[in-house]
Amino acid sequence: MFNKLKQVKDLRDKAKRLQNMLSEETVEASAAWGKIKIVMDGNQTVRSVSVEPEMLADRKKLEDALKDAYNDAVKKAQKTMVDKMRKSGDLNIPGLT
């Protein structure tokens, strides 16, 4: 039983180290020909959003561009996370190849 608890603690420690490492990684995504930019860290926390003033004139275009930029940033952050997990070898998750 204590062996299982140690394994859980080790896994938790490795996950925490990975989370800290990912918080230092950033990805940038853009939409609407670069008029909308989102910077997100590896933990998928939005660090900044930049909107060109001309985008404020059309609410629908702004909403669509924000959605597109956010979705692109999430994909990039997830890719960064998977790459870091592969390279570190800390977390061995079945099916993660």
PDB file of N, CA and C in Angstrom:
ATOM      1  N   MET A   1       0.822  -1.200   0.000  1.00  0.00           N
ATOM      2  CA  MET A   1       0.000   0.000   0.000  1.00  0.00           C
ATOM      3  C   MET A   1       0.863   1.259   0.000  1.00  0.00           C
ATOM      4  N   PHE A   2       1.936   1.241   0.822  1.00  0.00           N
ATOM      5  CA  PHE A   2       2.806   2.417   0.863  1.00  0.00           C
ATOM      6  C   PHE A   2       3.520   2.628  -0.463  1.00  0.00           C
ATOM      7  N   ASN A   3       3.768   1.533  -1.171  1.00  0.00           N
ATOM      8  CA  ASN A   3       4.393   1.623  -2.483  1.00  0.00           C
ATOM      9  C   ASN A   3       3.477   2.368  -3.452  1.00  0.00           C
ATOM     10  N   LYS A   4       2.191   2.060  -3.396  1.00  0.00           N
ATOM     11  CA  LYS A   4       1.212   2.741  -4.261  1.00  0.00           C
ATOM     12  C   LYS A   4       1.139   4.228  -3.915  1.00  0.00           C
ATOM     13  N   LEU A   5       1.163   4.547  -2.632  1.00  0.00           N
ATOM     14  CA  LEU A   5       1.121   5.953  -2.219  1.00  0.00           C
ATOM     15  C   LEU A   5       2.362   6.695  -2.701  1.00  0.00           C
ATOM     16  N   LYS A   6       3.507   6.034  -2.644  1.00  0.00           N
ATOM     17  CA  LYS A   6       4.741   6.652  -3.136  1.00  0.00           C
ATOM     18  C   LYS A   6       4.652   6.883  -4.641  1.00  0.00           C
ATOM     19  N   GLN A   7       4.084   5.933  -5.373  1.00  0.00           N
ATOM     20  CA  GLN A   7       3.926   6.086  -6.817  1.00  0.00           C
ATOM     21  C   GLN A   7       3.016   7.274  -7.137  1.00  0.00           C
ATOM     22  N   VAL A   8       1.930   7.407  -6.388  1.00  0.00           N
ATOM     23  CA  VAL A   8       1.011   8.526  -6.593  1.00  0.00           C
ATOM     24  C   VAL A   8       1.720   9.842  -6.290  1.00  0.00           C
ATOM     25  N   LYS A   9       2.475   9.883  -5.202  1.00  0.00           N
ATOM     26  CA  LYS A   9       3.217  11.104  -4.857  1.00  0.00           C
ATOM     27  C   LYS A   9       4.243  11.426  -5.934  1.00  0.00           C
ATOM     28  N   ASP A  10       4.975  10.438  -6.424  1.00  0.00           N
ATOM     29  CA  ASP A  10       5.962  10.656  -7.483  1.00  0.00           C
ATOM     30  C   ASP A  10       5.297  11.191  -8.746  1.00  0.00           C
ATOM     31  N   LEU A  11       4.161  10.603  -9.109  1.00  0.00           N
ATOM     32  CA  LEU A  11       3.431  11.053 -10.296  1.00  0.00           C
ATOM     33  C   LEU A  11       2.962  12.493 -10.119  1.00  0.00           C
ATOM     34  N   ARG A  12       2.468  12.814  -8.938  1.00  0.00           N
ATOM     35  CA  ARG A  12       2.012  14.178  -8.649  1.00  0.00           C
ATOM     36  C   ARG A  12       3.179  15.163  -8.734  1.00  0.00           C
ATOM     37  N   ASP A  13       4.342  14.760  -8.206  1.00  0.00           N
ATOM     38  CA  ASP A  13       5.529  15.619  -8.260  1.00  0.00           C
ATOM     39  C   ASP A  13       5.966  15.851  -9.705  1.00  0.00           C
ATOM     40  N   LYS A  14       5.947  14.800 -10.511  1.00  0.00           N
ATOM     41  CA  LYS A  14       6.326  14.927 -11.918  1.00  0.00           C
ATOM     42  C   LYS A  14       5.347  15.829 -12.663  1.00  0.00           C
ATOM     43  N   ALA A  15       4.067  15.673 -12.371  1.00  0.00           N
ATOM     44  CA  ALA A  15       3.053  16.518 -13.018  1.00  0.00           C
ATOM     45  C   ALA A  15       3.252  17.979 -12.632  1.00  0.00           C
ATOM     46  N   LYS A  16       3.588  18.239 -11.387  1.00  0.00           N
ATOM     47  CA  LYS A  16       3.818  19.607 -10.923  1.00  0.00           C
ATOM     48  C   LYS A  16       5.039  20.206 -11.616  1.00  0.00           C
ATOM     49  N   ARG A  17       6.107  19.417 -11.753  1.00  0.00           N
ATOM     50  CA  ARG A  17       7.303  19.904 -12.451  1.00  0.00           C
ATOM     51  C   ARG A  17       6.969  20.235 -13.907  1.00  0.00           C
ATOM     52  N   LEU A  18       6.197  19.358 -14.543  1.00  0.00           N
ATOM     53  CA  LEU A  18       5.802  19.588 -15.931  1.00  0.00           C
ATOM     54  C   LEU A  18       4.946  20.848 -16.042  1.00  0.00           C
ATOM     55  N   GLN A  19       4.024  21.023 -15.113  1.00  0.00           N
ATOM     56  CA  GLN A  19       3.167  22.205 -15.120  1.00  0.00           C
ATOM     57  C   GLN A  19       4.006  23.479 -14.974  1.00  0.00           C
ATOM     58  N   ASN A  20       4.997  23.449 -14.100  1.00  0.00           N
ATOM     59  CA  ASN A  20       5.872  24.611 -13.926  1.00  0.00           C
ATOM     60  C   ASN A  20       6.681  24.879 -15.192  1.00  0.00           C
ATOM     61  N   MET A  21       7.166  23.813 -15.830  1.00  0.00           N
ATOM     62  CA  MET A  21       7.925  23.950 -17.060  1.00  0.00           C
ATOM     63  C   MET A  21       7.038  24.544 -18.160  1.00  0.00           C
ATOM     64  N   LEU A  22       5.805  24.067 -18.249  1.00  0.00           N
ATOM     65  CA  LEU A  22       4.890  24.553 -19.281  1.00  0.00           C
ATOM     66  C   LEU A  22       4.483  26.002 -19.065  1.00  0.00           C
ATOM     67  N   SER A  23       4.452  26.435 -17.815  1.00  0.00           N
ATOM     68  CA  SER A  23       4.069  27.830 -17.548  1.00  0.00           C
ATOM     69  C   SER A  23       5.093  28.804 -18.111  1.00  0.00           C
ATOM     70  N   GLU A  24       6.311  28.321 -18.361  1.00  0.00           N
ATOM     71  CA  GLU A  24       7.360  29.168 -18.919  1.00  0.00           C
ATOM     72  C   GLU A  24       7.350  29.194 -20.448  1.00  0.00           C
ATOM     73  N   GLU A  25       6.644  28.249 -21.062  1.00  0.00           N
ATOM     74  CA  GLU A  25       6.537  28.188 -22.516  1.00  0.00           C
ATOM     75  C   GLU A  25       5.375  29.065 -22.981  1.00  0.00           C
ATOM     76  N   THR A  26       5.560  29.756 -24.089  1.00  0.00           N
ATOM     77  CA  THR A  26       4.451  30.536 -24.639  1.00  0.00           C
ATOM     78  C   THR A  26       4.290  30.237 -26.123  1.00  0.00           C
ATOM     79  N   VAL A  27       3.066  30.382 -26.572  1.00  0.00           N
ATOM     80  CA  VAL A  27       2.752  30.274 -27.994  1.00  0.00           C
ATOM     81  C   VAL A  27       1.962  31.519 -28.381  1.00  0.00           C
ATOM     82  N   GLU A  28       2.100  31.914 -29.629  1.00  0.00           N
ATOM     83  CA  GLU A  28       1.343  33.059 -30.130  1.00  0.00           C
ATOM     84  C   GLU A  28       0.515  32.595 -31.314  1.00  0.00           C
ATOM     85  N   ALA A  29      -0.726  32.987 -31.325  1.00  0.00           N
ATOM     86  CA  ALA A  29      -1.620  32.673 -32.433  1.00  0.00           C
ATOM     87  C   ALA A  29      -2.261  33.965 -32.898  1.00  0.00           C
ATOM     88  N   SER A  30      -2.590  33.997 -34.184  1.00  0.00           N
ATOM     89  CA  SER A  30      -3.222  35.199 -34.709  1.00  0.00           C
ATOM     90  C   SER A  30      -4.352  34.821 -35.656  1.00  0.00           C
ATOM     91  N   ALA A  31      -5.184  35.786 -35.928  1.00  0.00           N
ATOM     92  CA  ALA A  31      -6.306  35.605 -36.852  1.00  0.00           C
ATOM     93  C   ALA A  31      -6.552  36.940 -37.537  1.00  0.00           C
ATOM     94  N   ALA A  32      -7.408  36.901 -38.529  1.00  0.00           N
ATOM     95  CA  ALA A  32      -7.773  38.111 -39.287  1.00  0.00           C
ATOM     96  C   ALA A  32      -6.519  38.809 -39.812  1.00  0.00           C
ATOM     97  N   TRP A  33      -5.666  38.026 -40.444  1.00  0.00           N
ATOM     98  CA  TRP A  33      -4.445  38.544 -41.048  1.00  0.00           C
ATOM     99  C   TRP A  33      -3.567  39.273 -40.039  1.00  0.00           C
ATOM    100  N   GLY A  34      -3.490  38.735 -38.827  1.00  0.00           N
ATOM    101  CA  GLY A  34      -2.627  39.301 -37.798  1.00  0.00           C
ATOM    102  C   GLY A  34      -3.221  40.455 -37.025  1.00  0.00           C
ATOM    103  N   LYS A  35      -4.483  40.762 -37.266  1.00  0.00           N
ATOM    104  CA  LYS A  35      -5.113  41.891 -36.570  1.00  0.00           C
ATOM    105  C   LYS A  35      -5.545  41.516 -35.156  1.00  0.00           C
ATOM    106  N   ILE A  36      -5.632  40.218 -34.891  1.00  0.00           N
ATOM    107  CA  ILE A  36      -5.937  39.700 -33.555  1.00  0.00           C
ATOM    108  C   ILE A  36      -4.791  38.768 -33.178  1.00  0.00           C
ATOM    109  N   LYS A  37      -4.202  38.967 -32.000  1.00  0.00           N
ATOM    110  CA  LYS A  37      -3.127  38.102 -31.530  1.00  0.00           C
ATOM    111  C   LYS A  37      -3.406  37.678 -30.093  1.00  0.00           C
ATOM    112  N   ILE A  38      -3.145  36.406 -29.839  1.00  0.00           N
ATOM    113  CA  ILE A  38      -3.302  35.870 -28.487  1.00  0.00           C
ATOM    114  C   ILE A  38      -2.007  35.165 -28.114  1.00  0.00           C
ATOM    115  N   VAL A  39      -1.497  35.470 -26.923  1.00  0.00           N
ATOM    116  CA  VAL A  39      -0.340  34.773 -26.382  1.00  0.00           C
ATOM    117  C   VAL A  39      -0.847  33.927 -25.227  1.00  0.00           C
ATOM    118  N   MET A  40      -0.474  32.634 -25.263  1.00  0.00           N
ATOM    119  CA  MET A  40      -0.939  31.673 -24.276  1.00  0.00           C
ATOM    120  C   MET A  40       0.260  30.878 -23.779  1.00  0.00           C
ATOM    121  N   ASP A  41       0.256  30.515 -22.501  1.00  0.00           N
ATOM    122  CA  ASP A  41       1.347  29.689 -22.013  1.00  0.00           C
ATOM    123  C   ASP A  41       1.018  28.211 -22.217  1.00  0.00           C
ATOM    124  N   GLY A  42       1.965  27.357 -21.892  1.00  0.00           N
ATOM    125  CA  GLY A  42       1.803  25.927 -22.099  1.00  0.00           C
ATOM    126  C   GLY A  42       0.721  25.296 -21.254  1.00  0.00           C
ATOM    127  N   ASN A  43       0.267  25.989 -20.223  1.00  0.00           N
ATOM    128  CA  ASN A  43      -0.835  25.508 -19.389  1.00  0.00           C
ATOM    129  C   ASN A  43      -2.177  26.032 -19.880  1.00  0.00           C
ATOM    130  N   GLN A  44      -2.183  26.626 -21.054  1.00  0.00           N
ATOM    131  CA  GLN A  44      -3.371  27.160 -21.711  1.00  0.00           C
ATOM    132  C   GLN A  44      -3.991  28.345 -20.964  1.00  0.00           C
ATOM    133  N   THR A  45      -3.137  29.116 -20.344  1.00  0.00           N
ATOM    134  CA  THR A  45      -3.573  30.360 -19.718  1.00  0.00           C
ATOM    135  C   THR A  45      -3.261  31.498 -20.674  1.00  0.00           C
ATOM    136  N   VAL A  46      -4.272  32.302 -20.988  1.00  0.00           N
ATOM    137  CA  VAL A  46      -4.071  33.425 -21.898  1.00  0.00           C
ATOM    138  C   VAL A  46      -3.252  34.480 -21.171  1.00  0.00           C
ATOM    139  N   ARG A  47      -2.125  34.861 -21.791  1.00  0.00           N
ATOM    140  CA  ARG A  47      -1.240  35.863 -21.205  1.00  0.00           C
ATOM    141  C   ARG A  47      -1.552  37.252 -21.733  1.00  0.00           C
ATOM    142  N   SER A  48      -1.911  37.335 -23.018  1.00  0.00           N
ATOM    143  CA  SER A  48      -2.250  38.648 -23.577  1.00  0.00           C
ATOM    144  C   SER A  48      -3.114  38.482 -24.816  1.00  0.00           C
ATOM    145  N   VAL A  49      -3.876  39.533 -25.086  1.00  0.00           N
ATOM    146  CA  VAL A  49      -4.718  39.614 -26.288  1.00  0.00           C
ATOM    147  C   VAL A  49      -4.476  40.986 -26.899  1.00  0.00           C
ATOM    148  N   SER A  50      -4.235  40.987 -28.192  1.00  0.00           N
ATOM    149  CA  SER A  50      -4.005  42.241 -28.907  1.00  0.00           C
ATOM    150  C   SER A  50      -5.028  42.345 -30.033  1.00  0.00           C
ATOM    151  N   VAL A  51      -5.704  43.490 -30.101  1.00  0.00           N
ATOM    152  CA  VAL A  51      -6.731  43.716 -31.118  1.00  0.00           C
ATOM    153  C   VAL A  51      -6.430  45.035 -31.815  1.00  0.00           C
ATOM    154  N   GLU A  52      -6.288  44.971 -33.130  1.00  0.00           N
ATOM    155  CA  GLU A  52      -6.095  46.193 -33.910  1.00  0.00           C
ATOM    156  C   GLU A  52      -7.384  47.019 -33.856  1.00  0.00           C
ATOM    157  N   PRO A  53      -7.283  48.328 -33.731  1.00  0.00           N
ATOM    158  CA  PRO A  53      -8.464  49.193 -33.599  1.00  0.00           C
ATOM    159  C   PRO A  53      -9.502  49.011 -34.703  1.00  0.00           C
ATOM    160  N   GLU A  54      -9.058  48.742 -35.921  1.00  0.00           N
ATOM    161  CA  GLU A  54     -10.023  48.598 -37.020  1.00  0.00           C
ATOM    162  C   GLU A  54     -10.957  47.410 -36.830  1.00  0.00           C
ATOM    163  N   MET A  55     -10.546  46.433 -36.016  1.00  0.00           N
ATOM    164  CA  MET A  55     -11.389  45.260 -35.771  1.00  0.00           C
ATOM    165  C   MET A  55     -12.579  45.596 -34.868  1.00  0.00           C
ATOM    166  N   LEU A  56     -12.497  46.697 -34.154  1.00  0.00           N
ATOM    167  CA  LEU A  56     -13.569  47.073 -33.230  1.00  0.00           C
ATOM    168  C   LEU A  56     -14.815  47.570 -33.955  1.00  0.00           C
ATOM    169  N   ALA A  57     -14.690  47.853 -35.231  1.00  0.00           N
ATOM    170  CA  ALA A  57     -15.811  48.392 -35.993  1.00  0.00           C
ATOM    171  C   ALA A  57     -16.868  47.352 -36.347  1.00  0.00           C
ATOM    172  N   ASP A  58     -16.459  46.077 -36.394  1.00  0.00           N
ATOM    173  CA  ASP A  58     -17.382  45.014 -36.795  1.00  0.00           C
ATOM    174  C   ASP A  58     -17.375  43.911 -35.732  1.00  0.00           C
ATOM    175  N   ARG A  59     -18.408  43.921 -34.912  1.00  0.00           N
ATOM    176  CA  ARG A  59     -18.478  42.999 -33.777  1.00  0.00           C
ATOM    177  C   ARG A  59     -18.411  41.539 -34.206  1.00  0.00           C
ATOM    178  N   LYS A  60     -19.120  41.163 -35.247  1.00  0.00           N
ATOM    179  CA  LYS A  60     -19.162  39.775 -35.709  1.00  0.00           C
ATOM    180  C   LYS A  60     -17.770  39.314 -36.155  1.00  0.00           C
ATOM    181  N   LYS A  61     -17.078  40.142 -36.942  1.00  0.00           N
ATOM    182  CA  LYS A  61     -15.726  39.788 -37.392  1.00  0.00           C
ATOM    183  C   LYS A  61     -14.779  39.674 -36.201  1.00  0.00           C
ATOM    184  N   LEU A  62     -14.924  40.574 -35.249  1.00  0.00           N
ATOM    185  CA  LEU A  62     -14.084  40.544 -34.051  1.00  0.00           C
ATOM    186  C   LEU A  62     -14.313  39.254 -33.268  1.00  0.00           C
ATOM    187  N   GLU A  63     -15.570  38.906 -33.047  1.00  0.00           N
ATOM    188  CA  GLU A  63     -15.888  37.684 -32.310  1.00  0.00           C
ATOM    189  C   GLU A  63     -15.341  36.450 -33.017  1.00  0.00           C
ATOM    190  N   ASP A  64     -15.533  36.379 -34.337  1.00  0.00           N
ATOM    191  CA  ASP A  64     -15.036  35.232 -35.104  1.00  0.00           C
ATOM    192  C   ASP A  64     -13.506  35.155 -35.060  1.00  0.00           C
ATOM    193  N   ALA A  65     -12.859  36.303 -35.193  1.00  0.00           N
ATOM    194  CA  ALA A  65     -11.399  36.322 -35.179  1.00  0.00           C
ATOM    195  C   ALA A  65     -10.849  35.939 -33.806  1.00  0.00           C
ATOM    196  N   LEU A  66     -11.481  36.419 -32.752  1.00  0.00           N
ATOM    197  CA  LEU A  66     -11.056  36.045 -31.398  1.00  0.00           C
ATOM    198  C   LEU A  66     -11.201  34.537 -31.178  1.00  0.00           C
ATOM    199  N   LYS A  67     -12.319  33.988 -31.637  1.00  0.00           N
ATOM    200  CA  LYS A  67     -12.547  32.550 -31.515  1.00  0.00           C
ATOM    201  C   LYS A  67     -11.471  31.773 -32.278  1.00  0.00           C
ATOM    202  N   ASP A  68     -11.196  32.192 -33.501  1.00  0.00           N
ATOM    203  CA  ASP A  68     -10.192  31.511 -34.314  1.00  0.00           C
ATOM    204  C   ASP A  68      -8.800  31.598 -33.686  1.00  0.00           C
ATOM    205  N   ALA A  69      -8.435  32.768 -33.214  1.00  0.00           N
ATOM    206  CA  ALA A  69      -7.118  32.944 -32.598  1.00  0.00           C
ATOM    207  C   ALA A  69      -7.003  32.115 -31.320  1.00  0.00           C
ATOM    208  N   TYR A  70      -8.056  32.111 -30.518  1.00  0.00           N
ATOM    209  CA  TYR A  70      -8.035  31.337 -29.277  1.00  0.00           C
ATOM    210  C   TYR A  70      -7.901  29.843 -29.570  1.00  0.00           C
ATOM    211  N   ASN A  71      -8.689  29.338 -30.506  1.00  0.00           N
ATOM    212  CA  ASN A  71      -8.623  27.913 -30.845  1.00  0.00           C
ATOM    213  C   ASN A  71      -7.251  27.535 -31.385  1.00  0.00           C
ATOM    214  N   ASP A  72      -6.662  28.408 -32.188  1.00  0.00           N
ATOM    215  CA  ASP A  72      -5.324  28.155 -32.707  1.00  0.00           C
ATOM    216  C   ASP A  72      -4.304  28.138 -31.571  1.00  0.00           C
ATOM    217  N   ALA A  73      -4.431  29.055 -30.635  1.00  0.00           N
ATOM    218  CA  ALA A  73      -3.507  29.102 -29.499  1.00  0.00           C
ATOM    219  C   ALA A  73      -3.623  27.848 -28.644  1.00  0.00           C
ATOM    220  N   VAL A  74      -4.837  27.364 -28.421  1.00  0.00           N
ATOM    221  CA  VAL A  74      -5.034  26.144 -27.633  1.00  0.00           C
ATOM    222  C   VAL A  74      -4.356  24.961 -28.320  1.00  0.00           C
ATOM    223  N   LYS A  75      -4.530  24.839 -29.628  1.00  0.00           N
ATOM    224  CA  LYS A  75      -3.889  23.740 -30.366  1.00  0.00           C
ATOM    225  C   LYS A  75      -2.373  23.811 -30.240  1.00  0.00           C
ATOM    226  N   LYS A  76      -1.822  25.010 -30.374  1.00  0.00           N
ATOM    227  CA  LYS A  76      -0.377  25.169 -30.261  1.00  0.00           C
ATOM    228  C   LYS A  76       0.104  24.857 -28.848  1.00  0.00           C
ATOM    229  N   ALA A  77      -0.644  25.295 -27.845  1.00  0.00           N
ATOM    230  CA  ALA A  77      -0.266  25.020 -26.456  1.00  0.00           C
ATOM    231  C   ALA A  77      -0.329  23.519 -26.174  1.00  0.00           C
ATOM    232  N   GLN A  78      -1.353  22.852 -26.693  1.00  0.00           N
ATOM    233  CA  GLN A  78      -1.463  21.407 -26.502  1.00  0.00           C
ATOM    234  C   GLN A  78      -0.312  20.677 -27.173  1.00  0.00           C
ATOM    235  N   LYS A  79       0.066  21.125 -28.356  1.00  0.00           N
ATOM    236  CA  LYS A  79       1.196  20.509 -29.055  1.00  0.00           C
ATOM    237  C   LYS A  79       2.472  20.707 -28.243  1.00  0.00           C
ATOM    238  N   THR A  80       2.655  21.906 -27.707  1.00  0.00           N
ATOM    239  CA  THR A  80       3.818  22.185 -26.868  1.00  0.00           C
ATOM    240  C   THR A  80       3.829  21.259 -25.658  1.00  0.00           C
ATOM    241  N   MET A  81       2.666  21.076 -25.040  1.00  0.00           N
ATOM    242  CA  MET A  81       2.561  20.220 -23.866  1.00  0.00           C
ATOM    243  C   MET A  81       2.937  18.780 -24.212  1.00  0.00           C
ATOM    244  N   VAL A  82       2.409  18.264 -25.304  1.00  0.00           N
ATOM    245  CA  VAL A  82       2.710  16.887 -25.711  1.00  0.00           C
ATOM    246  C   VAL A  82       4.192  16.744 -26.018  1.00  0.00           C
ATOM    247  N   ASP A  83       4.763  17.706 -26.724  1.00  0.00           N
ATOM    248  CA  ASP A  83       6.185  17.651 -27.050  1.00  0.00           C
ATOM    249  C   ASP A  83       7.042  17.645 -25.794  1.00  0.00           C
ATOM    250  N   LYS A  84       6.710  18.488 -24.839  1.00  0.00           N
ATOM    251  CA  LYS A  84       7.462  18.543 -23.578  1.00  0.00           C
ATOM    252  C   LYS A  84       7.333  17.227 -22.810  1.00  0.00           C
ATOM    253  N   MET A  85       6.133  16.654 -22.810  1.00  0.00           N
ATOM    254  CA  MET A  85       5.920  15.397 -22.096  1.00  0.00           C
ATOM    255  C   MET A  85       6.731  14.277 -22.739  1.00  0.00           C
ATOM    256  N   ARG A  86       6.778  14.270 -24.067  1.00  0.00           N
ATOM    257  CA  ARG A  86       7.568  13.255 -24.769  1.00  0.00           C
ATOM    258  C   ARG A  86       9.046  13.404 -24.456  1.00  0.00           C
ATOM    259  N   LYS A  87       9.538  14.628 -24.536  1.00  0.00           N
ATOM    260  CA  LYS A  87      10.965  14.878 -24.333  1.00  0.00           C
ATOM    261  C   LYS A  87      11.401  14.615 -22.900  1.00  0.00           C
ATOM    262  N   SER A  88      10.565  14.979 -21.953  1.00  0.00           N
ATOM    263  CA  SER A  88      10.944  14.823 -20.549  1.00  0.00           C
ATOM    264  C   SER A  88      10.905  13.367 -20.117  1.00  0.00           C
ATOM    265  N   GLY A  89       9.987  12.599 -20.714  1.00  0.00           N
ATOM    266  CA  GLY A  89       9.841  11.207 -20.312  1.00  0.00           C
ATOM    267  C   GLY A  89       9.284  11.052 -18.916  1.00  0.00           C
ATOM    268  N   ASP A  90       8.921  12.163 -18.287  1.00  0.00           N
ATOM    269  CA  ASP A  90       8.419  12.108 -16.905  1.00  0.00           C
ATOM    270  C   ASP A  90       7.058  11.443 -16.811  1.00  0.00           C
ATOM    271  N   LEU A  91       6.199  11.730 -17.753  1.00  0.00           N
ATOM    272  CA  LEU A  91       4.846  11.192 -17.683  1.00  0.00           C
ATOM    273  C   LEU A  91       4.641  10.219 -18.833  1.00  0.00           C
ATOM    274  N   ASN A  92       4.511   8.967 -18.508  1.00  0.00           N
ATOM    275  CA  ASN A  92       4.300   7.950 -19.525  1.00  0.00           C
ATOM    276  C   ASN A  92       2.813   7.643 -19.580  1.00  0.00           C
ATOM    277  N   ILE A  93       2.139   8.214 -20.567  1.00  0.00           N
ATOM    278  CA  ILE A  93       0.697   8.034 -20.689  1.00  0.00           C
ATOM    279  C   ILE A  93       0.418   7.124 -21.880  1.00  0.00           C
ATOM    280  N   PRO A  94      -0.287   6.017 -21.659  1.00  0.00           N
ATOM    281  CA  PRO A  94      -0.586   5.108 -22.763  1.00  0.00           C
ATOM    282  C   PRO A  94      -1.323   5.835 -23.892  1.00  0.00           C
ATOM    283  N   GLY A  95      -0.908   5.561 -25.124  1.00  0.00           N
ATOM    284  CA  GLY A  95      -1.549   6.174 -26.276  1.00  0.00           C
ATOM    285  C   GLY A  95      -0.951   7.505 -26.675  1.00  0.00           C
ATOM    286  N   LEU A  96      -0.037   8.042 -25.876  1.00  0.00           N
ATOM    287  CA  LEU A  96       0.614   9.300 -26.181  1.00  0.00           C
ATOM    288  C   LEU A  96       1.906   8.980 -26.920  1.00  0.00           C
ATOM    289  N   THR A  97       1.834   9.041 -28.255  1.00  0.00           N
ATOM    290  CA  THR A  97       3.021   8.669 -29.038  1.00  0.00           C
ATOM    291  C   THR A  97       3.479   9.805 -29.899  1.00  0.00           C
TER     292      THR A  97
END
